[in-house]
Amino acid sequence: MLALLVLLSTVSWTVDKHLCMGKVVDVAFFANAKTCSMEADSNSMDTEFEKSCCDEVSFTMQGQEDLKTSFFDLDLKQQLFLVGYTYSYINLFQDVDTVTTYFSGHPPPLLNKDYQVLYETFLI
């Protein structure tokens, strides 16, 4: 998800819309929007309208250009944190030696009384 976020923030976006009589006819990303046939009809007719009924709206958002950072641009504390975090993350998935129990051969002590019945505490 982080790679997708970096990609979306660094790419320049252009949105082009074609409006005809105030209504959106076509929307295009990274290209020009297709025009409707009304604009061609109004140009061919001999009318007294000076203004066309169609509009072109374009919005461009510039992306970032300065993303060239290296490991050595970080200060010493940041480098130590990254190295320590990477080391602990890698060691997280290694097998842990099994612990031997020395009392496994001995049975538990015998109870003289049944304490649940004696104190009348039962799990329901």
PDB file of N, CA and C in Angstrom:
ATOM      1  N   MET A   1       0.820  -1.181   0.000  1.00  0.00           N
ATOM      2  CA  MET A   1       0.000   0.000   0.000  1.00  0.00           C
ATOM      3  C   MET A   1       0.868   1.250   0.000  1.00  0.00           C
ATOM      4  N   LEU A   2       2.023   1.145   0.645  1.00  0.00           N
ATOM      5  CA  LEU A   2       2.909   2.290   0.674  1.00  0.00           C
ATOM      6  C   LEU A   2       3.461   2.585  -0.722  1.00  0.00           C
ATOM      7  N   ALA A   3       3.772   1.556  -1.477  1.00  0.00           N
ATOM      8  CA  ALA A   3       4.261   1.752  -2.839  1.00  0.00           C
ATOM      9  C   ALA A   3       3.180   2.387  -3.717  1.00  0.00           C
ATOM     10  N   LEU A   4       1.936   1.973  -3.534  1.00  0.00           N
ATOM     11  CA  LEU A   4       0.826   2.566  -4.279  1.00  0.00           C
ATOM     12  C   LEU A   4       0.648   4.028  -3.903  1.00  0.00           C
ATOM     13  N   LEU A   5       0.797   4.364  -2.630  1.00  0.00           N
ATOM     14  CA  LEU A   5       0.693   5.751  -2.186  1.00  0.00           C
ATOM     15  C   LEU A   5       1.794   6.609  -2.797  1.00  0.00           C
ATOM     16  N   VAL A   6       3.016   6.094  -2.834  1.00  0.00           N
ATOM     17  CA  VAL A   6       4.120   6.835  -3.446  1.00  0.00           C
ATOM     18  C   VAL A   6       3.880   7.013  -4.939  1.00  0.00           C
ATOM     19  N   LEU A   7       3.381   5.983  -5.599  1.00  0.00           N
ATOM     20  CA  LEU A   7       3.103   6.082  -7.029  1.00  0.00           C
ATOM     21  C   LEU A   7       2.037   7.132  -7.317  1.00  0.00           C
ATOM     22  N   LEU A   8       0.961   7.125  -6.551  1.00  0.00           N
ATOM     23  CA  LEU A   8      -0.118   8.079  -6.787  1.00  0.00           C
ATOM     24  C   LEU A   8       0.286   9.514  -6.457  1.00  0.00           C
ATOM     25  N   SER A   9       1.202   9.699  -5.511  1.00  0.00           N
ATOM     26  CA  SER A   9       1.603  11.053  -5.157  1.00  0.00           C
ATOM     27  C   SER A   9       2.671  11.615  -6.092  1.00  0.00           C
ATOM     28  N   THR A  10       3.368  10.776  -6.828  1.00  0.00           N
ATOM     29  CA  THR A  10       4.428  11.272  -7.706  1.00  0.00           C
ATOM     30  C   THR A  10       3.989  11.445  -9.150  1.00  0.00           C
ATOM     31  N   VAL A  11       2.882  10.851  -9.549  1.00  0.00           N
ATOM     32  CA  VAL A  11       2.419  10.954 -10.937  1.00  0.00           C
ATOM     33  C   VAL A  11       1.584  12.222 -11.090  1.00  0.00           C
ATOM     34  N   SER A  12       1.779  12.928 -12.177  1.00  0.00           N
ATOM     35  CA  SER A  12       0.965  14.104 -12.467  1.00  0.00           C
ATOM     36  C   SER A  12      -0.375  13.663 -13.031  1.00  0.00           C
ATOM     37  N   TRP A  13      -1.455  14.263 -12.540  1.00  0.00           N
ATOM     38  CA  TRP A  13      -2.806  13.897 -12.943  1.00  0.00           C
ATOM     39  C   TRP A  13      -3.424  15.017 -13.763  1.00  0.00           C
ATOM     40  N   THR A  14      -4.073  14.661 -14.883  1.00  0.00           N
ATOM     41  CA  THR A  14      -4.815  15.613 -15.691  1.00  0.00           C
ATOM     42  C   THR A  14      -6.221  15.064 -15.897  1.00  0.00           C
ATOM     43  N   VAL A  15      -7.213  15.864 -15.532  1.00  0.00           N
ATOM     44  CA  VAL A  15      -8.611  15.490 -15.701  1.00  0.00           C
ATOM     45  C   VAL A  15      -9.218  16.501 -16.668  1.00  0.00           C
ATOM     46  N   ASP A  16      -9.795  16.010 -17.738  1.00  0.00           N
ATOM     47  CA  ASP A  16     -10.394  16.863 -18.765  1.00  0.00           C
ATOM     48  C   ASP A  16     -11.878  16.541 -18.852  1.00  0.00           C
ATOM     49  N   LYS A  17     -12.739  17.580 -18.779  1.00  0.00           N
ATOM     50  CA  LYS A  17     -14.186  17.384 -18.837  1.00  0.00           C
ATOM     51  C   LYS A  17     -14.762  18.195 -19.995  1.00  0.00           C
ATOM     52  N   HIS A  18     -15.743  17.624 -20.659  1.00  0.00           N
ATOM     53  CA  HIS A  18     -16.476  18.319 -21.707  1.00  0.00           C
ATOM     54  C   HIS A  18     -17.897  18.556 -21.204  1.00  0.00           C
ATOM     55  N   LEU A  19     -18.279  19.832 -21.142  1.00  0.00           N
ATOM     56  CA  LEU A  19     -19.605  20.218 -20.661  1.00  0.00           C
ATOM     57  C   LEU A  19     -20.427  20.728 -21.834  1.00  0.00           C
ATOM     58  N   CYS A  20     -21.659  20.269 -21.902  1.00  0.00           N
ATOM     59  CA  CYS A  20     -22.563  20.739 -22.940  1.00  0.00           C
ATOM     60  C   CYS A  20     -23.853  21.201 -22.245  1.00  0.00           C
ATOM     61  N   MET A  21     -24.146  22.489 -22.354  1.00  0.00           N
ATOM     62  CA  MET A  21     -25.291  23.131 -21.710  1.00  0.00           C
ATOM     63  C   MET A  21     -25.299  22.881 -20.204  1.00  0.00           C
ATOM     64  N   GLY A  22     -24.125  22.919 -19.582  1.00  0.00           N
ATOM     65  CA  GLY A  22     -24.003  22.777 -18.147  1.00  0.00           C
ATOM     66  C   GLY A  22     -23.958  21.343 -17.649  1.00  0.00           C
ATOM     67  N   LYS A  23     -24.114  20.368 -18.510  1.00  0.00           N
ATOM     68  CA  LYS A  23     -24.085  18.962 -18.109  1.00  0.00           C
ATOM     69  C   LYS A  23     -22.800  18.305 -18.595  1.00  0.00           C
ATOM     70  N   VAL A  24     -22.265  17.420 -17.778  1.00  0.00           N
ATOM     71  CA  VAL A  24     -21.020  16.732 -18.124  1.00  0.00           C
ATOM     72  C   VAL A  24     -21.322  15.660 -19.165  1.00  0.00           C
ATOM     73  N   VAL A  25     -20.633  15.765 -20.306  1.00  0.00           N
ATOM     74  CA  VAL A  25     -20.817  14.793 -21.381  1.00  0.00           C
ATOM     75  C   VAL A  25     -19.734  13.722 -21.326  1.00  0.00           C
ATOM     76  N   ASP A  26     -18.478  14.124 -21.102  1.00  0.00           N
ATOM     77  CA  ASP A  26     -17.383  13.161 -21.101  1.00  0.00           C
ATOM     78  C   ASP A  26     -16.317  13.611 -20.112  1.00  0.00           C
ATOM     79  N   VAL A  27     -15.699  12.642 -19.437  1.00  0.00           N
ATOM     80  CA  VAL A  27     -14.590  12.883 -18.524  1.00  0.00           C
ATOM     81  C   VAL A  27     -13.449  11.976 -18.960  1.00  0.00           C
ATOM     82  N   ALA A  28     -12.236  12.525 -19.035  1.00  0.00           N
ATOM     83  CA  ALA A  28     -11.077  11.738 -19.452  1.00  0.00           C
ATOM     84  C   ALA A  28      -9.893  12.042 -18.546  1.00  0.00           C
ATOM     85  N   PHE A  29      -9.149  10.999 -18.202  1.00  0.00           N
ATOM     86  CA  PHE A  29      -7.922  11.137 -17.439  1.00  0.00           C
ATOM     87  C   PHE A  29      -6.752  11.006 -18.399  1.00  0.00           C
ATOM     88  N   PHE A  30      -5.755  11.847 -18.259  1.00  0.00           N
ATOM     89  CA  PHE A  30      -4.508  11.815 -19.031  1.00  0.00           C
ATOM     90  C   PHE A  30      -4.712  12.065 -20.527  1.00  0.00           C
ATOM     91  N   ALA A  31      -5.892  12.471 -20.985  1.00  0.00           N
ATOM     92  CA  ALA A  31      -6.134  12.708 -22.415  1.00  0.00           C
ATOM     93  C   ALA A  31      -7.222  13.769 -22.555  1.00  0.00           C
ATOM     94  N   ASN A  32      -7.499  14.145 -23.802  1.00  0.00           N
ATOM     95  CA  ASN A  32      -8.565  15.115 -24.059  1.00  0.00           C
ATOM     96  C   ASN A  32      -9.913  14.409 -24.077  1.00  0.00           C
ATOM     97  N   ALA A  33     -10.926  15.074 -23.527  1.00  0.00           N
ATOM     98  CA  ALA A  33     -12.271  14.512 -23.516  1.00  0.00           C
ATOM     99  C   ALA A  33     -12.887  14.618 -24.905  1.00  0.00           C
ATOM    100  N   LYS A  34     -13.738  13.656 -25.266  1.00  0.00           N
ATOM    101  CA  LYS A  34     -14.404  13.672 -26.566  1.00  0.00           C
ATOM    102  C   LYS A  34     -15.475  14.745 -26.583  1.00  0.00           C
ATOM    103  N   THR A  35     -15.584  15.423 -27.705  1.00  0.00           N
ATOM    104  CA  THR A  35     -16.579  16.484 -27.822  1.00  0.00           C
ATOM    105  C   THR A  35     -17.897  15.915 -28.316  1.00  0.00           C
ATOM    106  N   CYS A  36     -18.968  16.646 -28.041  1.00  0.00           N
ATOM    107  CA  CYS A  36     -20.282  16.200 -28.500  1.00  0.00           C
ATOM    108  C   CYS A  36     -20.546  16.760 -29.897  1.00  0.00           C
ATOM    109  N   SER A  37     -21.604  16.315 -30.524  1.00  0.00           N
ATOM    110  CA  SER A  37     -21.891  16.731 -31.894  1.00  0.00           C
ATOM    111  C   SER A  37     -22.575  18.086 -31.954  1.00  0.00           C
ATOM    112  N   MET A  38     -23.007  18.615 -30.817  1.00  0.00           N
ATOM    113  CA  MET A  38     -23.709  19.904 -30.826  1.00  0.00           C
ATOM    114  C   MET A  38     -22.778  21.046 -31.187  1.00  0.00           C
ATOM    115  N   GLU A  39     -21.528  20.939 -30.824  1.00  0.00           N
ATOM    116  CA  GLU A  39     -20.583  21.993 -31.146  1.00  0.00           C
ATOM    117  C   GLU A  39     -20.356  22.075 -32.647  1.00  0.00           C
ATOM    118  N   ALA A  40     -20.284  20.944 -33.328  1.00  0.00           N
ATOM    119  CA  ALA A  40     -20.114  20.932 -34.786  1.00  0.00           C
ATOM    120  C   ALA A  40     -21.365  21.473 -35.468  1.00  0.00           C
ATOM    121  N   ASP A  41     -22.543  21.142 -34.937  1.00  0.00           N
ATOM    122  CA  ASP A  41     -23.783  21.646 -35.521  1.00  0.00           C
ATOM    123  C   ASP A  41     -23.924  23.145 -35.346  1.00  0.00           C
ATOM    124  N   SER A  42     -23.512  23.688 -34.207  1.00  0.00           N
ATOM    125  CA  SER A  42     -23.651  25.121 -33.980  1.00  0.00           C
ATOM    126  C   SER A  42     -22.671  25.916 -34.832  1.00  0.00           C
ATOM    127  N   ASN A  43     -21.514  25.335 -35.176  1.00  0.00           N
ATOM    128  CA  ASN A  43     -20.555  26.024 -36.035  1.00  0.00           C
ATOM    129  C   ASN A  43     -21.028  26.035 -37.484  1.00  0.00           C
ATOM    130  N   SER A  44     -21.710  25.008 -37.916  1.00  0.00           N
ATOM    131  CA  SER A  44     -22.135  24.943 -39.312  1.00  0.00           C
ATOM    132  C   SER A  44     -23.371  25.799 -39.570  1.00  0.00           C
ATOM    133  N   MET A  45     -24.195  26.031 -38.572  1.00  0.00           N
ATOM    134  CA  MET A  45     -25.392  26.843 -38.754  1.00  0.00           C
ATOM    135  C   MET A  45     -25.058  28.321 -38.748  1.00  0.00           C
ATOM    136  N   ASP A  46     -25.914  29.058 -39.373  1.00  0.00           N
ATOM    137  CA  ASP A  46     -25.746  30.512 -39.421  1.00  0.00           C
ATOM    138  C   ASP A  46     -26.686  31.102 -38.367  1.00  0.00           C
ATOM    139  N   THR A  47     -26.181  31.232 -37.118  1.00  0.00           N
ATOM    140  CA  THR A  47     -27.024  31.712 -36.024  1.00  0.00           C
ATOM    141  C   THR A  47     -26.460  32.984 -35.438  1.00  0.00           C
ATOM    142  N   GLU A  48     -27.275  33.632 -34.596  1.00  0.00           N
ATOM    143  CA  GLU A  48     -26.831  34.874 -33.978  1.00  0.00           C
ATOM    144  C   GLU A  48     -26.161  34.634 -32.627  1.00  0.00           C
ATOM    145  N   PHE A  49     -26.001  33.348 -32.248  1.00  0.00           N
ATOM    146  CA  PHE A  49     -25.326  33.068 -30.985  1.00  0.00           C
ATOM    147  C   PHE A  49     -23.832  33.315 -31.144  1.00  0.00           C
ATOM    148  N   GLU A  50     -23.294  34.113 -30.244  1.00  0.00           N
ATOM    149  CA  GLU A  50     -21.858  34.382 -30.296  1.00  0.00           C
ATOM    150  C   GLU A  50     -21.074  33.383 -29.431  1.00  0.00           C
ATOM    151  N   LYS A  51     -21.766  32.824 -28.488  1.00  0.00           N
ATOM    152  CA  LYS A  51     -21.097  31.927 -27.549  1.00  0.00           C
ATOM    153  C   LYS A  51     -21.565  30.492 -27.785  1.00  0.00           C
ATOM    154  N   SER A  52     -20.646  29.560 -27.760  1.00  0.00           N
ATOM    155  CA  SER A  52     -20.983  28.155 -27.959  1.00  0.00           C
ATOM    156  C   SER A  52     -21.610  27.604 -26.675  1.00  0.00           C
ATOM    157  N   CYS A  53     -22.444  26.590 -26.821  1.00  0.00           N
ATOM    158  CA  CYS A  53     -23.084  25.989 -25.659  1.00  0.00           C
ATOM    159  C   CYS A  53     -22.168  25.001 -24.953  1.00  0.00           C
ATOM    160  N   CYS A  54     -21.021  24.681 -25.538  1.00  0.00           N
ATOM    161  CA  CYS A  54     -20.117  23.676 -24.973  1.00  0.00           C
ATOM    162  C   CYS A  54     -18.928  24.342 -24.290  1.00  0.00           C
ATOM    163  N   ASP A  55     -18.406  23.663 -23.264  1.00  0.00           N
ATOM    164  CA  ASP A  55     -17.251  24.148 -22.511  1.00  0.00           C
ATOM    165  C   ASP A  55     -16.252  23.020 -22.314  1.00  0.00           C
ATOM    166  N   GLU A  56     -14.989  23.382 -22.236  1.00  0.00           N
ATOM    167  CA  GLU A  56     -13.923  22.432 -21.920  1.00  0.00           C
ATOM    168  C   GLU A  56     -13.297  22.859 -20.596  1.00  0.00           C
ATOM    169  N   VAL A  57     -13.292  21.960 -19.620  1.00  0.00           N
ATOM    170  CA  VAL A  57     -12.699  22.241 -18.323  1.00  0.00           C
ATOM    171  C   VAL A  57     -11.564  21.242 -18.117  1.00  0.00           C
ATOM    172  N   SER A  58     -10.389  21.755 -17.744  1.00  0.00           N
ATOM    173  CA  SER A  58      -9.228  20.906 -17.552  1.00  0.00           C
ATOM    174  C   SER A  58      -8.602  21.217 -16.198  1.00  0.00           C
ATOM    175  N   PHE A  59      -8.227  20.163 -15.474  1.00  0.00           N
ATOM    176  CA  PHE A  59      -7.595  20.314 -14.166  1.00  0.00           C
ATOM    177  C   PHE A  59      -6.325  19.466 -14.164  1.00  0.00           C
ATOM    178  N   THR A  60      -5.206  20.074 -13.803  1.00  0.00           N
ATOM    179  CA  THR A  60      -3.924  19.374 -13.765  1.00  0.00           C
ATOM    180  C   THR A  60      -3.328  19.492 -12.370  1.00  0.00           C
ATOM    181  N   MET A  61      -2.933  18.349 -11.804  1.00  0.00           N
ATOM    182  CA  MET A  61      -2.271  18.342 -10.505  1.00  0.00           C
ATOM    183  C   MET A  61      -0.853  17.810 -10.715  1.00  0.00           C
ATOM    184  N   GLN A  62       0.121  18.626 -10.391  1.00  0.00           N
ATOM    185  CA  GLN A  62       1.515  18.252 -10.597  1.00  0.00           C
ATOM    186  C   GLN A  62       1.979  17.314  -9.494  1.00  0.00           C
ATOM    187  N   GLY A  63       2.751  16.301  -9.852  1.00  0.00           N
ATOM    188  CA  GLY A  63       3.297  15.348  -8.891  1.00  0.00           C
ATOM    189  C   GLY A  63       4.612  15.834  -8.328  1.00  0.00           C
ATOM    190  N   GLN A  64       5.142  15.111  -7.381  1.00  0.00           N
ATOM    191  CA  GLN A  64       6.418  15.464  -6.770  1.00  0.00           C
ATOM    192  C   GLN A  64       7.558  14.993  -7.653  1.00  0.00           C
ATOM    193  N   GLU A  65       8.605  15.764  -7.655  1.00  0.00           N
ATOM    194  CA  GLU A  65       9.765  15.413  -8.474  1.00  0.00           C
ATOM    195  C   GLU A  65      10.999  15.074  -7.627  1.00  0.00           C
ATOM    196  N   ASP A  66      11.015  15.476  -6.357  1.00  0.00           N
ATOM    197  CA  ASP A  66      12.225  15.359  -5.543  1.00  0.00           C
ATOM    198  C   ASP A  66      12.103  14.210  -4.542  1.00  0.00           C
ATOM    199  N   LEU A  67      12.154  12.983  -5.019  1.00  0.00           N
ATOM    200  CA  LEU A  67      12.042  11.821  -4.149  1.00  0.00           C
ATOM    201  C   LEU A  67      13.325  11.006  -4.081  1.00  0.00           C
ATOM    202  N   LYS A  68      14.444  11.592  -4.428  1.00  0.00           N
ATOM    203  CA  LYS A  68      15.698  10.859  -4.438  1.00  0.00           C
ATOM    204  C   LYS A  68      16.353  10.935  -3.062  1.00  0.00           C
ATOM    205  N   THR A  69      16.009  10.005  -2.198  1.00  0.00           N
ATOM    206  CA  THR A  69      16.632   9.935  -0.882  1.00  0.00           C
ATOM    207  C   THR A  69      17.425   8.635  -0.805  1.00  0.00           C
ATOM    208  N   SER A  70      18.508   8.672  -0.099  1.00  0.00           N
ATOM    209  CA  SER A  70      19.318   7.473   0.059  1.00  0.00           C
ATOM    210  C   SER A  70      19.465   7.155   1.539  1.00  0.00           C
ATOM    211  N   PHE A  71      19.988   5.996   1.814  1.00  0.00           N
ATOM    212  CA  PHE A  71      20.171   5.562   3.191  1.00  0.00           C
ATOM    213  C   PHE A  71      21.179   6.447   3.918  1.00  0.00           C
ATOM    214  N   PHE A  72      22.124   6.982   3.180  1.00  0.00           N
ATOM    215  CA  PHE A  72      23.182   7.759   3.818  1.00  0.00           C
ATOM    216  C   PHE A  72      22.770   9.201   4.078  1.00  0.00           C
ATOM    217  N   ASP A  73      21.608   9.647   3.597  1.00  0.00           N
ATOM    218  CA  ASP A  73      21.114  10.979   3.904  1.00  0.00           C
ATOM    219  C   ASP A  73      20.488  11.039   5.293  1.00  0.00           C
ATOM    220  N   LEU A  74      20.253   9.895   5.908  1.00  0.00           N
ATOM    221  CA  LEU A  74      19.675   9.850   7.246  1.00  0.00           C
ATOM    222  C   LEU A  74      20.760  10.114   8.283  1.00  0.00           C
ATOM    223  N   ASP A  75      20.362  10.688   9.413  1.00  0.00           N
ATOM    224  CA  ASP A  75      21.354  10.890  10.467  1.00  0.00           C
ATOM    225  C   ASP A  75      21.624   9.571  11.188  1.00  0.00           C
ATOM    226  N   LEU A  76      22.551   9.595  12.125  1.00  0.00           N
ATOM    227  CA  LEU A  76      23.014   8.368  12.765  1.00  0.00           C
ATOM    228  C   LEU A  76      21.910   7.689  13.568  1.00  0.00           C
ATOM    229  N   LYS A  77      21.074   8.455  14.272  1.00  0.00           N
ATOM    230  CA  LYS A  77      19.999   7.858  15.070  1.00  0.00           C
ATOM    231  C   LYS A  77      18.981   7.136  14.189  1.00  0.00           C
ATOM    232  N   GLN A  78      18.662   7.718  13.054  1.00  0.00           N
ATOM    233  CA  GLN A  78      17.708   7.082  12.142  1.00  0.00           C
ATOM    234  C   GLN A  78      18.291   5.815  11.533  1.00  0.00           C
ATOM    235  N   GLN A  79      19.567   5.830  11.195  1.00  0.00           N
ATOM    236  CA  GLN A  79      20.211   4.638  10.662  1.00  0.00           C
ATOM    237  C   GLN A  79      20.243   3.518  11.704  1.00  0.00           C
ATOM    238  N   LEU A  80      20.557   3.851  12.958  1.00  0.00           N
ATOM    239  CA  LEU A  80      20.583   2.845  14.015  1.00  0.00           C
ATOM    240  C   LEU A  80      19.193   2.265  14.245  1.00  0.00           C
ATOM    241  N   PHE A  81      18.173   3.102  14.195  1.00  0.00           N
ATOM    242  CA  PHE A  81      16.809   2.602  14.364  1.00  0.00           C
ATOM    243  C   PHE A  81      16.438   1.643  13.243  1.00  0.00           C
ATOM    244  N   LEU A  82      16.742   1.987  11.999  1.00  0.00           N
ATOM    245  CA  LEU A  82      16.409   1.125  10.870  1.00  0.00           C
ATOM    246  C   LEU A  82      17.156  -0.207  10.932  1.00  0.00           C
ATOM    247  N   VAL A  83      18.414  -0.164  11.302  1.00  0.00           N
ATOM    248  CA  VAL A  83      19.191  -1.405  11.410  1.00  0.00           C
ATOM    249  C   VAL A  83      18.634  -2.268  12.533  1.00  0.00           C
ATOM    250  N   GLY A  84      18.351  -1.679  13.681  1.00  0.00           N
ATOM    251  CA  GLY A  84      17.805  -2.444  14.803  1.00  0.00           C
ATOM    252  C   GLY A  84      16.433  -3.016  14.500  1.00  0.00           C
ATOM    253  N   TYR A  85      15.591  -2.246  13.857  1.00  0.00           N
ATOM    254  CA  TYR A  85      14.250  -2.719  13.502  1.00  0.00           C
ATOM    255  C   TYR A  85      14.326  -3.865  12.503  1.00  0.00           C
ATOM    256  N   THR A  86      15.198  -3.742  11.501  1.00  0.00           N
ATOM    257  CA  THR A  86      15.354  -4.799  10.509  1.00  0.00           C
ATOM    258  C   THR A  86      15.887  -6.073  11.153  1.00  0.00           C
ATOM    259  N   TYR A  87      16.860  -5.942  12.043  1.00  0.00           N
ATOM    260  CA  TYR A  87      17.437  -7.111  12.718  1.00  0.00           C
ATOM    261  C   TYR A  87      16.383  -7.818  13.570  1.00  0.00           C
ATOM    262  N   SER A  88      15.603  -7.051  14.330  1.00  0.00           N
ATOM    263  CA  SER A  88      14.590  -7.680  15.182  1.00  0.00           C
ATOM    264  C   SER A  88      13.460  -8.280  14.357  1.00  0.00           C
ATOM    265  N   TYR A  89      13.125  -7.684  13.229  1.00  0.00           N
ATOM    266  CA  TYR A  89      12.075  -8.227  12.367  1.00  0.00           C
ATOM    267  C   TYR A  89      12.512  -9.543  11.731  1.00  0.00           C
ATOM    268  N   ILE A  90      13.760  -9.616  11.299  1.00  0.00           N
ATOM    269  CA  ILE A  90      14.261 -10.847  10.688  1.00  0.00           C
ATOM    270  C   ILE A  90      14.322 -11.962  11.726  1.00  0.00           C
ATOM    271  N   ASN A  91      14.770 -11.639  12.956  1.00  0.00           N
ATOM    272  CA  ASN A  91      14.878 -12.651  14.008  1.00  0.00           C
ATOM    273  C   ASN A  91      13.521 -13.043  14.572  1.00  0.00           C
ATOM    274  N   LEU A  92      12.492 -12.343  14.257  1.00  0.00           N
ATOM    275  CA  LEU A  92      11.158 -12.665  14.739  1.00  0.00           C
ATOM    276  C   LEU A  92      10.683 -14.001  14.185  1.00  0.00           C
ATOM    277  N   PHE A  93      11.102 -14.349  12.976  1.00  0.00           N
ATOM    278  CA  PHE A  93      10.612 -15.538  12.303  1.00  0.00           C
ATOM    279  C   PHE A  93      11.553 -16.737  12.420  1.00  0.00           C
ATOM    280  N   GLN A  94      12.581 -16.659  13.226  1.00  0.00           N
ATOM    281  CA  GLN A  94      13.476 -17.791  13.409  1.00  0.00           C
ATOM    282  C   GLN A  94      12.910 -18.721  14.474  1.00  0.00           C
ATOM    283  N   ASP A  95      13.244 -20.007  14.362  1.00  0.00           N
ATOM    284  CA  ASP A  95      12.767 -20.989  15.320  1.00  0.00           C
ATOM    285  C   ASP A  95      13.427 -20.775  16.676  1.00  0.00           C
ATOM    286  N   VAL A  96      12.645 -20.989  17.717  1.00  0.00           N
ATOM    287  CA  VAL A  96      13.147 -20.879  19.081  1.00  0.00           C
ATOM    288  C   VAL A  96      13.399 -22.290  19.603  1.00  0.00           C
ATOM    289  N   ASP A  97      14.503 -22.474  20.302  1.00  0.00           N
ATOM    290  CA  ASP A  97      14.802 -23.788  20.875  1.00  0.00           C
ATOM    291  C   ASP A  97      13.731 -24.144  21.898  1.00  0.00           C
ATOM    292  N   THR A  98      13.380 -25.423  21.924  1.00  0.00           N
ATOM    293  CA  THR A  98      12.366 -25.866  22.875  1.00  0.00           C
ATOM    294  C   THR A  98      12.976 -25.943  24.273  1.00  0.00           C
ATOM    295  N   VAL A  99      12.185 -25.574  25.249  1.00  0.00           N
ATOM    296  CA  VAL A  99      12.646 -25.576  26.632  1.00  0.00           C
ATOM    297  C   VAL A  99      12.333 -26.941  27.233  1.00  0.00           C
ATOM    298  N   THR A 100      13.334 -27.547  27.859  1.00  0.00           N
ATOM    299  CA  THR A 100      13.118 -28.848  28.484  1.00  0.00           C
ATOM    300  C   THR A 100      12.601 -28.642  29.898  1.00  0.00           C
ATOM    301  N   THR A 101      11.592 -29.390  30.241  1.00  0.00           N
ATOM    302  CA  THR A 101      11.057 -29.332  31.595  1.00  0.00           C
ATOM    303  C   THR A 101      11.589 -30.530  32.375  1.00  0.00           C
ATOM    304  N   TYR A 102      12.119 -30.267  33.560  1.00  0.00           N
ATOM    305  CA  TYR A 102      12.740 -31.313  34.359  1.00  0.00           C
ATOM    306  C   TYR A 102      11.731 -32.032  35.243  1.00  0.00           C
ATOM    307  N   PHE A 103      10.553 -31.470  35.457  1.00  0.00           N
ATOM    308  CA  PHE A 103       9.573 -32.079  36.332  1.00  0.00           C
ATOM    309  C   PHE A 103       8.504 -32.857  35.578  1.00  0.00           C
ATOM    310  N   SER A 104       8.674 -33.117  34.305  1.00  0.00           N
ATOM    311  CA  SER A 104       7.644 -33.795  33.527  1.00  0.00           C
ATOM    312  C   SER A 104       7.453 -35.251  33.946  1.00  0.00           C
ATOM    313  N   GLY A 105       8.436 -35.859  34.569  1.00  0.00           N
ATOM    314  CA  GLY A 105       8.313 -37.250  34.979  1.00  0.00           C
ATOM    315  C   GLY A 105       7.653 -37.420  36.333  1.00  0.00           C
ATOM    316  N   HIS A 106       7.457 -36.338  37.052  1.00  0.00           N
ATOM    317  CA  HIS A 106       6.879 -36.418  38.382  1.00  0.00           C
ATOM    318  C   HIS A 106       5.377 -36.125  38.315  1.00  0.00           C
ATOM    319  N   PRO A 107       4.556 -36.897  39.007  1.00  0.00           N
ATOM    320  CA  PRO A 107       3.116 -36.625  38.999  1.00  0.00           C
ATOM    321  C   PRO A 107       2.770 -35.433  39.893  1.00  0.00           C
ATOM    322  N   PRO A 108       1.624 -34.796  39.678  1.00  0.00           N
ATOM    323  CA  PRO A 108       1.228 -33.677  40.534  1.00  0.00           C
ATOM    324  C   PRO A 108       0.872 -34.194  41.927  1.00  0.00           C
ATOM    325  N   PRO A 109       0.884 -33.320  42.911  1.00  0.00           N
ATOM    326  CA  PRO A 109       0.579 -33.774  44.274  1.00  0.00           C
ATOM    327  C   PRO A 109      -0.883 -34.195  44.398  1.00  0.00           C
ATOM    328  N   LEU A 110      -1.125 -35.162  45.279  1.00  0.00           N
ATOM    329  CA  LEU A 110      -2.486 -35.618  45.516  1.00  0.00           C
ATOM    330  C   LEU A 110      -3.211 -34.635  46.420  1.00  0.00           C
ATOM    331  N   LEU A 111      -4.475 -34.387  46.118  1.00  0.00           N
ATOM    332  CA  LEU A 111      -5.271 -33.477  46.928  1.00  0.00           C
ATOM    333  C   LEU A 111      -6.030 -34.277  47.983  1.00  0.00           C
ATOM    334  N   ASN A 112      -5.970 -33.794  49.214  1.00  0.00           N
ATOM    335  CA  ASN A 112      -6.684 -34.460  50.297  1.00  0.00           C
ATOM    336  C   ASN A 112      -8.166 -34.112  50.296  1.00  0.00           C
ATOM    337  N   LYS A 113      -8.499 -32.924  49.856  1.00  0.00           N
ATOM    338  CA  LYS A 113      -9.872 -32.463  49.884  1.00  0.00           C
ATOM    339  C   LYS A 113     -10.253 -31.957  48.497  1.00  0.00           C
ATOM    340  N   ASP A 114     -11.519 -32.007  48.151  1.00  0.00           N
ATOM    341  CA  ASP A 114     -12.035 -31.429  46.910  1.00  0.00           C
ATOM    342  C   ASP A 114     -12.442 -29.985  47.221  1.00  0.00           C
ATOM    343  N   TYR A 115     -11.581 -29.024  46.871  1.00  0.00           N
ATOM    344  CA  TYR A 115     -11.792 -27.627  47.265  1.00  0.00           C
ATOM    345  C   TYR A 115     -12.993 -26.999  46.570  1.00  0.00           C
ATOM    346  N   GLN A 116     -13.329 -27.428  45.376  1.00  0.00           N
ATOM    347  CA  GLN A 116     -14.501 -26.857  44.697  1.00  0.00           C
ATOM    348  C   GLN A 116     -15.777 -27.205  45.443  1.00  0.00           C
ATOM    349  N   VAL A 117     -15.893 -28.427  45.911  1.00  0.00           N
ATOM    350  CA  VAL A 117     -17.080 -28.828  46.670  1.00  0.00           C
ATOM    351  C   VAL A 117     -17.032 -28.224  48.066  1.00  0.00           C
ATOM    352  N   LEU A 118     -15.860 -28.147  48.664  1.00  0.00           N
ATOM    353  CA  LEU A 118     -15.711 -27.614  50.009  1.00  0.00           C
ATOM    354  C   LEU A 118     -16.130 -26.146  50.080  1.00  0.00           C
ATOM    355  N   TYR A 119     -15.690 -25.327  49.116  1.00  0.00           N
ATOM    356  CA  TYR A 119     -16.019 -23.906  49.114  1.00  0.00           C
ATOM    357  C   TYR A 119     -17.213 -23.568  48.228  1.00  0.00           C
ATOM    358  N   GLU A 120     -17.806 -24.551  47.601  1.00  0.00           N
ATOM    359  CA  GLU A 120     -18.964 -24.406  46.731  1.00  0.00           C
ATOM    360  C   GLU A 120     -18.737 -23.369  45.623  1.00  0.00           C
ATOM    361  N   THR A 121     -17.602 -23.479  44.952  1.00  0.00           N
ATOM    362  CA  THR A 121     -17.273 -22.613  43.816  1.00  0.00           C
ATOM    363  C   THR A 121     -17.192 -23.485  42.577  1.00  0.00           C
ATOM    364  N   PHE A 122     -18.151 -23.288  41.696  1.00  0.00           N
ATOM    365  CA  PHE A 122     -18.239 -24.107  40.484  1.00  0.00           C
ATOM    366  C   PHE A 122     -18.206 -23.225  39.256  1.00  0.00           C
ATOM    367  N   LEU A 123     -17.571 -23.666  38.210  1.00  0.00           N
ATOM    368  CA  LEU A 123     -17.568 -22.964  36.933  1.00  0.00           C
ATOM    369  C   LEU A 123     -18.826 -23.330  36.165  1.00  0.00           C
ATOM    370  N   ILE A 124     -19.552 -22.344  35.759  1.00  0.00           N
ATOM    371  CA  ILE A 124     -20.802 -22.608  35.035  1.00  0.00           C
ATOM    372  C   ILE A 124     -20.614 -22.257  33.589  1.00  0.00           C
TER     373      ILE A 124
END
